[in-house]
């Protein structure tokens, strides 16, 4: 993204695909983290 902004990268299509892949991976990671956190909180409630 930085290379595209400064004009070093010529292939906009591949750059945009890489950005979208990174965004999707990050959102997936957040969802997995939220599910794990929810499961942990549920287990902690059961042990009380």
PDB file of N, CA and C in Angstrom:
ATOM      1  N   UNK A   1       0.823  -1.174   0.000  1.00  0.00           N
ATOM      2  CA  UNK A   1       0.000   0.000   0.000  1.00  0.00           C
ATOM      3  C   UNK A   1       0.874   1.248   0.000  1.00  0.00           C
ATOM      4  N   UNK A   2       1.936   1.195   0.794  1.00  0.00           N
ATOM      5  CA  UNK A   2       2.857   2.328   0.840  1.00  0.00           C
ATOM      6  C   UNK A   2       3.521   2.543  -0.520  1.00  0.00           C
ATOM      7  N   UNK A   3       3.937   1.430  -1.151  1.00  0.00           N
ATOM      8  CA  UNK A   3       4.586   1.522  -2.468  1.00  0.00           C
ATOM      9  C   UNK A   3       3.624   2.101  -3.507  1.00  0.00           C
ATOM     10  N   UNK A   4       2.360   1.741  -3.405  1.00  0.00           N
ATOM     11  CA  UNK A   4       1.363   2.281  -4.330  1.00  0.00           C
ATOM     12  C   UNK A   4       1.185   3.780  -4.106  1.00  0.00           C
ATOM     13  N   UNK A   5       1.177   4.190  -2.846  1.00  0.00           N
ATOM     14  CA  UNK A   5       0.976   5.605  -2.525  1.00  0.00           C
ATOM     15  C   UNK A   5       2.118   6.481  -3.031  1.00  0.00           C
ATOM     16  N   UNK A   6       3.349   5.965  -2.975  1.00  0.00           N
ATOM     17  CA  UNK A   6       4.489   6.772  -3.419  1.00  0.00           C
ATOM     18  C   UNK A   6       4.795   6.586  -4.899  1.00  0.00           C
ATOM     19  N   UNK A   7       4.054   5.681  -5.555  1.00  0.00           N
ATOM     20  CA  UNK A   7       4.209   5.512  -6.997  1.00  0.00           C
ATOM     21  C   UNK A   7       5.171   4.423  -7.417  1.00  0.00           C
ATOM     22  N   UNK A   8       5.685   3.638  -6.474  1.00  0.00           N
ATOM     23  CA  UNK A   8       6.615   2.557  -6.835  1.00  0.00           C
ATOM     24  C   UNK A   8       5.890   1.343  -7.404  1.00  0.00           C
ATOM     25  N   UNK A   9       4.698   1.079  -6.928  1.00  0.00           N
ATOM     26  CA  UNK A   9       3.931  -0.084  -7.367  1.00  0.00           C
ATOM     27  C   UNK A   9       3.071   0.284  -8.567  1.00  0.00           C
ATOM     28  N   UNK A  10       3.168  -0.503  -9.617  1.00  0.00           N
ATOM     29  CA  UNK A  10       2.434  -0.227 -10.846  1.00  0.00           C
ATOM     30  C   UNK A  10       1.169  -1.080 -10.980  1.00  0.00           C
ATOM     31  N   UNK A  11       1.114  -2.212 -10.282  1.00  0.00           N
ATOM     32  CA  UNK A  11      -0.003  -3.131 -10.423  1.00  0.00           C
ATOM     33  C   UNK A  11      -1.044  -2.853  -9.328  1.00  0.00           C
ATOM     34  N   UNK A  12      -2.005  -2.003  -9.647  1.00  0.00           N
ATOM     35  CA  UNK A  12      -3.027  -1.604  -8.688  1.00  0.00           C
ATOM     36  C   UNK A  12      -3.931  -2.781  -8.332  1.00  0.00           C
ATOM     37  N   UNK A  13      -4.225  -3.621  -9.308  1.00  0.00           N
ATOM     38  CA  UNK A  13      -5.117  -4.756  -9.084  1.00  0.00           C
ATOM     39  C   UNK A  13      -4.566  -5.693  -8.016  1.00  0.00           C
ATOM     40  N   UNK A  14      -3.306  -6.092  -8.146  1.00  0.00           N
ATOM     41  CA  UNK A  14      -2.699  -6.992  -7.164  1.00  0.00           C
ATOM     42  C   UNK A  14      -2.598  -6.328  -5.797  1.00  0.00           C
ATOM     43  N   UNK A  15      -2.317  -5.041  -5.777  1.00  0.00           N
ATOM     44  CA  UNK A  15      -2.237  -4.323  -4.512  1.00  0.00           C
ATOM     45  C   UNK A  15      -3.590  -4.313  -3.809  1.00  0.00           C
ATOM     46  N   UNK A  16      -4.647  -4.049  -4.554  1.00  0.00           N
ATOM     47  CA  UNK A  16      -5.985  -4.031  -3.958  1.00  0.00           C
ATOM     48  C   UNK A  16      -6.397  -5.425  -3.478  1.00  0.00           C
ATOM     49  N   UNK A  17      -6.041  -6.455  -4.232  1.00  0.00           N
ATOM     50  CA  UNK A  17      -6.323  -7.821  -3.789  1.00  0.00           C
ATOM     51  C   UNK A  17      -5.595  -8.141  -2.486  1.00  0.00           C
ATOM     52  N   UNK A  18      -4.351  -7.731  -2.393  1.00  0.00           N
ATOM     53  CA  UNK A  18      -3.581  -7.981  -1.170  1.00  0.00           C
ATOM     54  C   UNK A  18      -4.195  -7.246   0.019  1.00  0.00           C
ATOM     55  N   UNK A  19      -4.661  -6.032  -0.196  1.00  0.00           N
ATOM     56  CA  UNK A  19      -5.294  -5.263   0.876  1.00  0.00           C
ATOM     57  C   UNK A  19      -6.581  -5.947   1.320  1.00  0.00           C
ATOM     58  N   UNK A  20      -7.375  -6.408   0.367  1.00  0.00           N
ATOM     59  CA  UNK A  20      -8.632  -7.080   0.710  1.00  0.00           C
ATOM     60  C   UNK A  20      -8.374  -8.390   1.447  1.00  0.00           C
ATOM     61  N   UNK A  21      -7.356  -9.144   1.025  1.00  0.00           N
ATOM     62  CA  UNK A  21      -7.013 -10.382   1.720  1.00  0.00           C
ATOM     63  C   UNK A  21      -6.587 -10.107   3.150  1.00  0.00           C
ATOM     64  N   UNK A  22      -5.784  -9.070   3.334  1.00  0.00           N
ATOM     65  CA  UNK A  22      -5.339  -8.711   4.676  1.00  0.00           C
ATOM     66  C   UNK A  22      -6.516  -8.287   5.544  1.00  0.00           C
ATOM     67  N   UNK A  23      -7.432  -7.526   4.974  1.00  0.00           N
ATOM     68  CA  UNK A  23      -8.613  -7.082   5.712  1.00  0.00           C
ATOM     69  C   UNK A  23      -9.482  -8.271   6.111  1.00  0.00           C
ATOM     70  N   UNK A  24      -9.697  -9.189   5.186  1.00  0.00           N
ATOM     71  CA  UNK A  24     -10.500 -10.366   5.483  1.00  0.00           C
ATOM     72  C   UNK A  24      -9.845 -11.232   6.557  1.00  0.00           C
ATOM     73  N   UNK A  25      -8.549 -11.404   6.474  1.00  0.00           N
ATOM     74  CA  UNK A  25      -7.827 -12.191   7.479  1.00  0.00           C
ATOM     75  C   UNK A  25      -7.923 -11.544   8.854  1.00  0.00           C
ATOM     76  N   UNK A  26      -7.813 -10.233   8.902  1.00  0.00           N
ATOM     77  CA  UNK A  26      -7.897  -9.517  10.170  1.00  0.00           C
ATOM     78  C   UNK A  26      -9.293  -9.648  10.775  1.00  0.00           C
ATOM     79  N   UNK A  27     -10.327  -9.513   9.931  1.00  0.00           N
ATOM     80  CA  UNK A  27     -11.695  -9.645  10.441  1.00  0.00           C
ATOM     81  C   UNK A  27     -11.967 -11.064  10.934  1.00  0.00           C
ATOM     82  N   UNK A  28     -11.435 -12.064  10.237  1.00  0.00           N
ATOM     83  CA  UNK A  28     -11.573 -13.447  10.677  1.00  0.00           C
ATOM     84  C   UNK A  28     -10.881 -13.655  12.023  1.00  0.00           C
ATOM     85  N   UNK A  29      -9.690 -13.117  12.168  1.00  0.00           N
ATOM     86  CA  UNK A  29      -8.961 -13.216  13.424  1.00  0.00           C
ATOM     87  C   UNK A  29      -9.750 -12.594  14.569  1.00  0.00           C
ATOM     88  N   UNK A  30     -10.354 -11.437  14.332  1.00  0.00           N
ATOM     89  CA  UNK A  30     -11.165 -10.788  15.370  1.00  0.00           C
ATOM     90  C   UNK A  30     -12.369 -11.639  15.755  1.00  0.00           C
ATOM     91  N   UNK A  31     -13.016 -12.265  14.778  1.00  0.00           N
ATOM     92  CA  UNK A  31     -14.164 -13.108  15.076  1.00  0.00           C
ATOM     93  C   UNK A  31     -13.749 -14.330  15.891  1.00  0.00           C
ATOM     94  N   UNK A  32     -12.637 -14.942  15.546  1.00  0.00           N
ATOM     95  CA  UNK A  32     -12.145 -16.099  16.294  1.00  0.00           C
ATOM     96  C   UNK A  32     -11.805 -15.673  17.720  1.00  0.00           C
ATOM     97  N   UNK A  33     -11.147 -14.538  17.857  1.00  0.00           N
ATOM     98  CA  UNK A  33     -10.812 -14.040  19.194  1.00  0.00           C
ATOM     99  C   UNK A  33     -12.072 -13.794  20.015  1.00  0.00           C
ATOM    100  N   UNK A  34     -13.081 -13.187  19.401  1.00  0.00           N
ATOM    101  CA  UNK A  34     -14.323 -12.911  20.124  1.00  0.00           C
ATOM    102  C   UNK A  34     -15.013 -14.197  20.559  1.00  0.00           C
ATOM    103  N   UNK A  35     -15.003 -15.209  19.697  1.00  0.00           N
ATOM    104  CA  UNK A  35     -15.602 -16.496  20.053  1.00  0.00           C
ATOM    105  C   UNK A  35     -14.847 -17.151  21.199  1.00  0.00           C
ATOM    106  N   UNK A  36     -13.521 -17.119  21.145  1.00  0.00           N
ATOM    107  CA  UNK A  36     -12.723 -17.706  22.222  1.00  0.00           C
ATOM    108  C   UNK A  36     -12.934 -16.967  23.536  1.00  0.00           C
ATOM    109  N   UNK A  37     -12.988 -15.656  23.471  1.00  0.00           N
ATOM    110  CA  UNK A  37     -13.226 -14.859  24.669  1.00  0.00           C
ATOM    111  C   UNK A  37     -14.608 -15.155  25.252  1.00  0.00           C
ATOM    112  N   UNK A  38     -15.607 -15.276  24.397  1.00  0.00           N
ATOM    113  CA  UNK A  38     -16.950 -15.613  24.862  1.00  0.00           C
ATOM    114  C   UNK A  38     -16.991 -16.989  25.510  1.00  0.00           C
ATOM    115  N   UNK A  39     -16.306 -17.961  24.923  1.00  0.00           N
ATOM    116  CA  UNK A  39     -16.248 -19.305  25.503  1.00  0.00           C
ATOM    117  C   UNK A  39     -15.541 -19.286  26.847  1.00  0.00           C
ATOM    118  N   UNK A  40     -14.458 -18.545  26.947  1.00  0.00           N
ATOM    119  CA  UNK A  40     -13.726 -18.433  28.214  1.00  0.00           C
ATOM    120  C   UNK A  40     -14.615 -17.813  29.286  1.00  0.00           C
ATOM    121  N   UNK A  41     -15.330 -16.755  28.942  1.00  0.00           N
ATOM    122  CA  UNK A  41     -16.211 -16.099  29.918  1.00  0.00           C
ATOM    123  C   UNK A  41     -17.334 -17.032  30.347  1.00  0.00           C
ATOM    124  N   UNK A  42     -17.850 -17.817  29.432  1.00  0.00           N
ATOM    125  CA  UNK A  42     -18.901 -18.781  29.772  1.00  0.00           C
ATOM    126  C   UNK A  42     -18.368 -19.842  30.722  1.00  0.00           C
ATOM    127  N   UNK A  43     -17.165 -20.335  30.477  1.00  0.00           N
ATOM    128  CA  UNK A  43     -16.553 -21.335  31.370  1.00  0.00           C
ATOM    129  C   UNK A  43     -16.334 -20.726  32.749  1.00  0.00           C
ATOM    130  N   UNK A  44     -15.890 -19.491  32.818  1.00  0.00           N
ATOM    131  CA  UNK A  44     -15.669 -18.852  34.110  1.00  0.00           C
ATOM    132  C   UNK A  44     -16.987 -18.694  34.881  1.00  0.00           C
ATOM    133  N   UNK A  45     -18.075 -18.434  34.183  1.00  0.00           N
ATOM    134  CA  UNK A  45     -19.380 -18.332  34.854  1.00  0.00           C
ATOM    135  C   UNK A  45     -19.831 -19.682  35.376  1.00  0.00           C
ATOM    136  N   UNK A  46     -19.527 -20.753  34.670  1.00  0.00           N
ATOM    137  CA  UNK A  46     -19.955 -22.088  35.095  1.00  0.00           C
ATOM    138  C   UNK A  46     -19.218 -22.543  36.356  1.00  0.00           C
ATOM    139  N   UNK A  47     -17.995 -22.116  36.550  1.00  0.00           N
ATOM    140  CA  UNK A  47     -17.198 -22.586  37.683  1.00  0.00           C
ATOM    141  C   UNK A  47     -17.538 -21.864  38.975  1.00  0.00           C
ATOM    142  N   UNK A  48     -18.299 -20.787  38.903  1.00  0.00           N
ATOM    143  CA  UNK A  48     -18.605 -20.022  40.129  1.00  0.00           C
ATOM    144  C   UNK A  48     -19.685 -20.656  40.918  1.00  0.00           C
TER     145      UNK A  48
END
